[in-house]
């Protein structure tokens, strides 16, 4: 079993992907930097979790194709 993410992380990541679909990619490091410019998240661990989930969602999306 993998780690289960909280609902607020999933909700934030999906909302950001809806609003800015062309800004994010499958690269975690790039997503972290884009997230810094788009959202004002004070907590570094929270920012990293959201960026990681965005990366996971995009990888799943590319895998389906």
PDB file of N, CA and C in Angstrom:
ATOM      1  N   UNK A   1       0.828  -1.181   0.000  1.00  0.00           N
ATOM      2  CA  UNK A   1       0.000   0.000   0.000  1.00  0.00           C
ATOM      3  C   UNK A   1       0.872   1.243   0.000  1.00  0.00           C
ATOM      4  N   UNK A   2       0.396   2.241  -0.689  1.00  0.00           N
ATOM      5  CA  UNK A   2       1.125   3.496  -0.738  1.00  0.00           C
ATOM      6  C   UNK A   2       0.623   4.468   0.310  1.00  0.00           C
ATOM      7  N   UNK A   3       1.216   5.627   0.297  1.00  0.00           N
ATOM      8  CA  UNK A   3       0.791   6.669   1.223  1.00  0.00           C
ATOM      9  C   UNK A   3      -0.500   7.310   0.713  1.00  0.00           C
ATOM     10  N   UNK A   4      -1.361   7.626   1.633  1.00  0.00           N
ATOM     11  CA  UNK A   4      -2.628   8.242   1.285  1.00  0.00           C
ATOM     12  C   UNK A   4      -2.513   9.741   1.515  1.00  0.00           C
ATOM     13  N   UNK A   5      -2.874  10.524   0.517  1.00  0.00           N
ATOM     14  CA  UNK A   5      -2.787  11.975   0.635  1.00  0.00           C
ATOM     15  C   UNK A   5      -4.088  12.540   1.172  1.00  0.00           C
ATOM     16  N   UNK A   6      -3.965  13.653   1.888  1.00  0.00           N
ATOM     17  CA  UNK A   6      -5.137  14.310   2.446  1.00  0.00           C
ATOM     18  C   UNK A   6      -5.956  14.943   1.339  1.00  0.00           C
ATOM     19  N   UNK A   7      -7.233  15.147   1.646  1.00  0.00           N
ATOM     20  CA  UNK A   7      -8.169  15.668   0.664  1.00  0.00           C
ATOM     21  C   UNK A   7      -7.817  17.088   0.240  1.00  0.00           C
ATOM     22  N   UNK A   8      -7.298  17.912   1.164  1.00  0.00           N
ATOM     23  CA  UNK A   8      -6.987  19.297   0.805  1.00  0.00           C
ATOM     24  C   UNK A   8      -5.802  19.384  -0.150  1.00  0.00           C
ATOM     25  N   UNK A   9      -4.902  18.420  -0.108  1.00  0.00           N
ATOM     26  CA  UNK A   9      -3.782  18.383  -1.056  1.00  0.00           C
ATOM     27  C   UNK A   9      -4.306  18.018  -2.442  1.00  0.00           C
ATOM     28  N   UNK A  10      -5.160  17.010  -2.502  1.00  0.00           N
ATOM     29  CA  UNK A  10      -5.727  16.594  -3.783  1.00  0.00           C
ATOM     30  C   UNK A  10      -6.577  17.699  -4.393  1.00  0.00           C
ATOM     31  N   UNK A  11      -7.385  18.349  -3.561  1.00  0.00           N
ATOM     32  CA  UNK A  11      -8.265  19.405  -4.041  1.00  0.00           C
ATOM     33  C   UNK A  11      -7.449  20.581  -4.590  1.00  0.00           C
ATOM     34  N   UNK A  12      -6.411  20.976  -3.871  1.00  0.00           N
ATOM     35  CA  UNK A  12      -5.568  22.093  -4.310  1.00  0.00           C
ATOM     36  C   UNK A  12      -4.855  21.768  -5.611  1.00  0.00           C
ATOM     37  N   UNK A  13      -4.330  20.557  -5.712  1.00  0.00           N
ATOM     38  CA  UNK A  13      -3.598  20.163  -6.913  1.00  0.00           C
ATOM     39  C   UNK A  13      -4.518  20.127  -8.129  1.00  0.00           C
ATOM     40  N   UNK A  14      -5.697  19.571  -7.971  1.00  0.00           N
ATOM     41  CA  UNK A  14      -6.635  19.500  -9.100  1.00  0.00           C
ATOM     42  C   UNK A  14      -7.125  20.878  -9.516  1.00  0.00           C
ATOM     43  N   UNK A  15      -7.340  21.761  -8.549  1.00  0.00           N
ATOM     44  CA  UNK A  15      -7.766  23.116  -8.857  1.00  0.00           C
ATOM     45  C   UNK A  15      -6.674  23.864  -9.636  1.00  0.00           C
ATOM     46  N   UNK A  16      -5.423  23.713  -9.219  1.00  0.00           N
ATOM     47  CA  UNK A  16      -4.320  24.355  -9.932  1.00  0.00           C
ATOM     48  C   UNK A  16      -4.165  23.792 -11.340  1.00  0.00           C
ATOM     49  N   UNK A  17      -4.358  22.486 -11.498  1.00  0.00           N
ATOM     50  CA  UNK A  17      -4.270  21.884 -12.831  1.00  0.00           C
ATOM     51  C   UNK A  17      -5.408  22.345 -13.736  1.00  0.00           C
ATOM     52  N   UNK A  18      -6.579  22.583 -13.163  1.00  0.00           N
ATOM     53  CA  UNK A  18      -7.696  23.097 -13.960  1.00  0.00           C
ATOM     54  C   UNK A  18      -7.415  24.509 -14.452  1.00  0.00           C
ATOM     55  N   UNK A  19      -6.892  25.336 -13.561  1.00  0.00           N
ATOM     56  CA  UNK A  19      -6.661  26.744 -13.902  1.00  0.00           C
ATOM     57  C   UNK A  19      -5.450  26.948 -14.800  1.00  0.00           C
ATOM     58  N   UNK A  20      -4.391  26.195 -14.552  1.00  0.00           N
ATOM     59  CA  UNK A  20      -3.143  26.383 -15.296  1.00  0.00           C
ATOM     60  C   UNK A  20      -2.637  25.048 -15.862  1.00  0.00           C
ATOM     61  N   UNK A  21      -3.346  24.460 -16.809  1.00  0.00           N
ATOM     62  CA  UNK A  21      -2.944  23.136 -17.308  1.00  0.00           C
ATOM     63  C   UNK A  21      -1.638  23.151 -18.099  1.00  0.00           C
ATOM     64  N   UNK A  22      -1.313  24.272 -18.733  1.00  0.00           N
ATOM     65  CA  UNK A  22      -0.114  24.313 -19.564  1.00  0.00           C
ATOM     66  C   UNK A  22       1.142  24.689 -18.781  1.00  0.00           C
ATOM     67  N   UNK A  23       1.024  25.088 -17.520  1.00  0.00           N
ATOM     68  CA  UNK A  23       2.180  25.513 -16.723  1.00  0.00           C
ATOM     69  C   UNK A  23       2.941  24.336 -16.123  1.00  0.00           C
ATOM     70  N   UNK A  24       2.250  23.222 -15.858  1.00  0.00           N
ATOM     71  CA  UNK A  24       2.857  22.101 -15.143  1.00  0.00           C
ATOM     72  C   UNK A  24       3.306  21.008 -16.114  1.00  0.00           C
ATOM     73  N   UNK A  25       4.284  20.220 -15.659  1.00  0.00           N
ATOM     74  CA  UNK A  25       4.789  19.115 -16.476  1.00  0.00           C
ATOM     75  C   UNK A  25       4.981  17.886 -15.592  1.00  0.00           C
ATOM     76  N   UNK A  26       5.588  16.858 -16.144  1.00  0.00           N
ATOM     77  CA  UNK A  26       5.847  15.638 -15.402  1.00  0.00           C
ATOM     78  C   UNK A  26       7.092  15.704 -14.538  1.00  0.00           C
ATOM     79  N   UNK A  27       7.747  16.862 -14.494  1.00  0.00           N
ATOM     80  CA  UNK A  27       8.972  17.043 -13.716  1.00  0.00           C
ATOM     81  C   UNK A  27       8.647  17.686 -12.370  1.00  0.00           C
ATOM     82  N   UNK A  28       9.000  17.000 -11.292  1.00  0.00           N
ATOM     83  CA  UNK A  28       8.687  17.460  -9.942  1.00  0.00           C
ATOM     84  C   UNK A  28       9.374  18.786  -9.612  1.00  0.00           C
ATOM     85  N   UNK A  29      10.638  18.931  -9.944  1.00  0.00           N
ATOM     86  CA  UNK A  29      11.381  20.146  -9.627  1.00  0.00           C
ATOM     87  C   UNK A  29      10.808  21.371 -10.316  1.00  0.00           C
ATOM     88  N   UNK A  30      10.449  21.201 -11.565  1.00  0.00           N
ATOM     89  CA  UNK A  30       9.850  22.310 -12.306  1.00  0.00           C
ATOM     90  C   UNK A  30       8.486  22.667 -11.722  1.00  0.00           C
ATOM     91  N   UNK A  31       7.727  21.677 -11.322  1.00  0.00           N
ATOM     92  CA  UNK A  31       6.415  21.937 -10.732  1.00  0.00           C
ATOM     93  C   UNK A  31       6.534  22.701  -9.416  1.00  0.00           C
ATOM     94  N   UNK A  32       7.575  22.420  -8.645  1.00  0.00           N
ATOM     95  CA  UNK A  32       7.799  23.155  -7.397  1.00  0.00           C
ATOM     96  C   UNK A  32       8.030  24.634  -7.667  1.00  0.00           C
ATOM     97  N   UNK A  33       8.846  24.936  -8.673  1.00  0.00           N
ATOM     98  CA  UNK A  33       9.143  26.332  -8.993  1.00  0.00           C
ATOM     99  C   UNK A  33       7.908  27.049  -9.562  1.00  0.00           C
ATOM    100  N   UNK A  34       7.137  26.358 -10.369  1.00  0.00           N
ATOM    101  CA  UNK A  34       5.917  26.953 -10.919  1.00  0.00           C
ATOM    102  C   UNK A  34       4.917  27.218  -9.793  1.00  0.00           C
ATOM    103  N   UNK A  35       4.832  26.289  -8.852  1.00  0.00           N
ATOM    104  CA  UNK A  35       3.909  26.426  -7.729  1.00  0.00           C
ATOM    105  C   UNK A  35       4.269  27.628  -6.862  1.00  0.00           C
ATOM    106  N   UNK A  36       5.559  27.903  -6.702  1.00  0.00           N
ATOM    107  CA  UNK A  36       5.987  29.074  -5.927  1.00  0.00           C
ATOM    108  C   UNK A  36       5.490  30.367  -6.559  1.00  0.00           C
ATOM    109  N   UNK A  37       5.494  30.423  -7.883  1.00  0.00           N
ATOM    110  CA  UNK A  37       5.076  31.649  -8.553  1.00  0.00           C
ATOM    111  C   UNK A  37       3.556  31.781  -8.632  1.00  0.00           C
ATOM    112  N   UNK A  38       2.826  30.668  -8.637  1.00  0.00           N
ATOM    113  CA  UNK A  38       1.373  30.728  -8.796  1.00  0.00           C
ATOM    114  C   UNK A  38       0.621  30.853  -7.470  1.00  0.00           C
ATOM    115  N   UNK A  39       1.066  30.166  -6.449  1.00  0.00           N
ATOM    116  CA  UNK A  39       0.330  30.129  -5.187  1.00  0.00           C
ATOM    117  C   UNK A  39       1.221  30.607  -4.043  1.00  0.00           C
ATOM    118  N   UNK A  40       0.612  31.249  -3.077  1.00  0.00           N
ATOM    119  CA  UNK A  40       1.369  31.716  -1.914  1.00  0.00           C
ATOM    120  C   UNK A  40       1.194  30.716  -0.774  1.00  0.00           C
ATOM    121  N   UNK A  41       1.982  29.668  -0.811  1.00  0.00           N
ATOM    122  CA  UNK A  41       1.931  28.627   0.212  1.00  0.00           C
ATOM    123  C   UNK A  41       3.148  28.805   1.103  1.00  0.00           C
ATOM    124  N   UNK A  42       2.915  29.072   2.370  1.00  0.00           N
ATOM    125  CA  UNK A  42       3.999  29.349   3.310  1.00  0.00           C
ATOM    126  C   UNK A  42       4.763  28.084   3.698  1.00  0.00           C
ATOM    127  N   UNK A  43       4.053  26.994   3.868  1.00  0.00           N
ATOM    128  CA  UNK A  43       4.653  25.760   4.363  1.00  0.00           C
ATOM    129  C   UNK A  43       5.395  25.028   3.245  1.00  0.00           C
ATOM    130  N   UNK A  44       6.680  24.794   3.461  1.00  0.00           N
ATOM    131  CA  UNK A  44       7.485  24.101   2.459  1.00  0.00           C
ATOM    132  C   UNK A  44       7.034  22.645   2.263  1.00  0.00           C
ATOM    133  N   UNK A  45       6.778  21.880   3.343  1.00  0.00           N
ATOM    134  CA  UNK A  45       6.304  20.501   3.139  1.00  0.00           C
ATOM    135  C   UNK A  45       4.973  20.423   2.397  1.00  0.00           C
ATOM    136  N   UNK A  46       4.080  21.359   2.678  1.00  0.00           N
ATOM    137  CA  UNK A  46       2.788  21.364   1.993  1.00  0.00           C
ATOM    138  C   UNK A  46       2.977  21.653   0.507  1.00  0.00           C
ATOM    139  N   UNK A  47       3.846  22.607   0.193  1.00  0.00           N
ATOM    140  CA  UNK A  47       4.130  22.953  -1.198  1.00  0.00           C
ATOM    141  C   UNK A  47       4.715  21.744  -1.927  1.00  0.00           C
ATOM    142  N   UNK A  48       5.614  21.024  -1.271  1.00  0.00           N
ATOM    143  CA  UNK A  48       6.231  19.847  -1.881  1.00  0.00           C
ATOM    144  C   UNK A  48       5.219  18.733  -2.111  1.00  0.00           C
ATOM    145  N   UNK A  49       4.292  18.559  -1.177  1.00  0.00           N
ATOM    146  CA  UNK A  49       3.273  17.520  -1.338  1.00  0.00           C
ATOM    147  C   UNK A  49       2.340  17.828  -2.500  1.00  0.00           C
ATOM    148  N   UNK A  50       1.962  19.098  -2.636  1.00  0.00           N
ATOM    149  CA  UNK A  50       1.078  19.480  -3.744  1.00  0.00           C
ATOM    150  C   UNK A  50       1.802  19.312  -5.074  1.00  0.00           C
ATOM    151  N   UNK A  51       3.064  19.733  -5.134  1.00  0.00           N
ATOM    152  CA  UNK A  51       3.846  19.586  -6.369  1.00  0.00           C
ATOM    153  C   UNK A  51       4.019  18.115  -6.722  1.00  0.00           C
ATOM    154  N   UNK A  52       4.241  17.280  -5.727  1.00  0.00           N
ATOM    155  CA  UNK A  52       4.385  15.847  -5.969  1.00  0.00           C
ATOM    156  C   UNK A  52       3.104  15.220  -6.478  1.00  0.00           C
ATOM    157  N   UNK A  53       1.976  15.652  -5.940  1.00  0.00           N
ATOM    158  CA  UNK A  53       0.708  15.090  -6.398  1.00  0.00           C
ATOM    159  C   UNK A  53       0.372  15.551  -7.810  1.00  0.00           C
ATOM    160  N   UNK A  54       0.706  16.794  -8.133  1.00  0.00           N
ATOM    161  CA  UNK A  54       0.512  17.283  -9.501  1.00  0.00           C
ATOM    162  C   UNK A  54       1.333  16.446 -10.468  1.00  0.00           C
ATOM    163  N   UNK A  55       2.572  16.145 -10.084  1.00  0.00           N
ATOM    164  CA  UNK A  55       3.438  15.310 -10.922  1.00  0.00           C
ATOM    165  C   UNK A  55       2.835  13.928 -11.108  1.00  0.00           C
ATOM    166  N   UNK A  56       2.308  13.356 -10.038  1.00  0.00           N
ATOM    167  CA  UNK A  56       1.686  12.038 -10.111  1.00  0.00           C
ATOM    168  C   UNK A  56       0.474  12.050 -11.029  1.00  0.00           C
ATOM    169  N   UNK A  57      -0.361  13.085 -10.904  1.00  0.00           N
ATOM    170  CA  UNK A  57      -1.551  13.176 -11.757  1.00  0.00           C
ATOM    171  C   UNK A  57      -1.172  13.276 -13.233  1.00  0.00           C
ATOM    172  N   UNK A  58      -0.159  14.076 -13.533  1.00  0.00           N
ATOM    173  CA  UNK A  58       0.242  14.234 -14.931  1.00  0.00           C
ATOM    174  C   UNK A  58       0.858  12.957 -15.491  1.00  0.00           C
ATOM    175  N   UNK A  59       1.620  12.242 -14.673  1.00  0.00           N
ATOM    176  CA  UNK A  59       2.193  10.976 -15.130  1.00  0.00           C
ATOM    177  C   UNK A  59       1.097   9.955 -15.399  1.00  0.00           C
ATOM    178  N   UNK A  60       0.056   9.934 -14.553  1.00  0.00           N
ATOM    179  CA  UNK A  60      -1.065   9.034 -14.771  1.00  0.00           C
ATOM    180  C   UNK A  60      -1.806   9.396 -16.056  1.00  0.00           C
ATOM    181  N   UNK A  61      -1.941  10.680 -16.317  1.00  0.00           N
ATOM    182  CA  UNK A  61      -2.631  11.151 -17.500  1.00  0.00           C
ATOM    183  C   UNK A  61      -1.871  10.748 -18.767  1.00  0.00           C
ATOM    184  N   UNK A  62      -0.539  10.888 -18.740  1.00  0.00           N
ATOM    185  CA  UNK A  62       0.266  10.496 -19.906  1.00  0.00           C
ATOM    186  C   UNK A  62       0.280   8.989 -20.090  1.00  0.00           C
ATOM    187  N   UNK A  63       0.182   8.238 -19.006  1.00  0.00           N
ATOM    188  CA  UNK A  63       0.191   6.784 -19.079  1.00  0.00           C
ATOM    189  C   UNK A  63      -1.077   6.251 -19.743  1.00  0.00           C
ATOM    190  N   UNK A  64      -2.199   6.947 -19.530  1.00  0.00           N
ATOM    191  CA  UNK A  64      -3.476   6.520 -20.110  1.00  0.00           C
ATOM    192  C   UNK A  64      -3.480   6.631 -21.628  1.00  0.00           C
ATOM    193  N   UNK A  65      -2.750   7.578 -22.143  1.00  0.00           N
ATOM    194  CA  UNK A  65      -2.760   7.815 -23.593  1.00  0.00           C
ATOM    195  C   UNK A  65      -2.033   6.776 -24.328  1.00  0.00           C
TER     196      UNK A  65
END
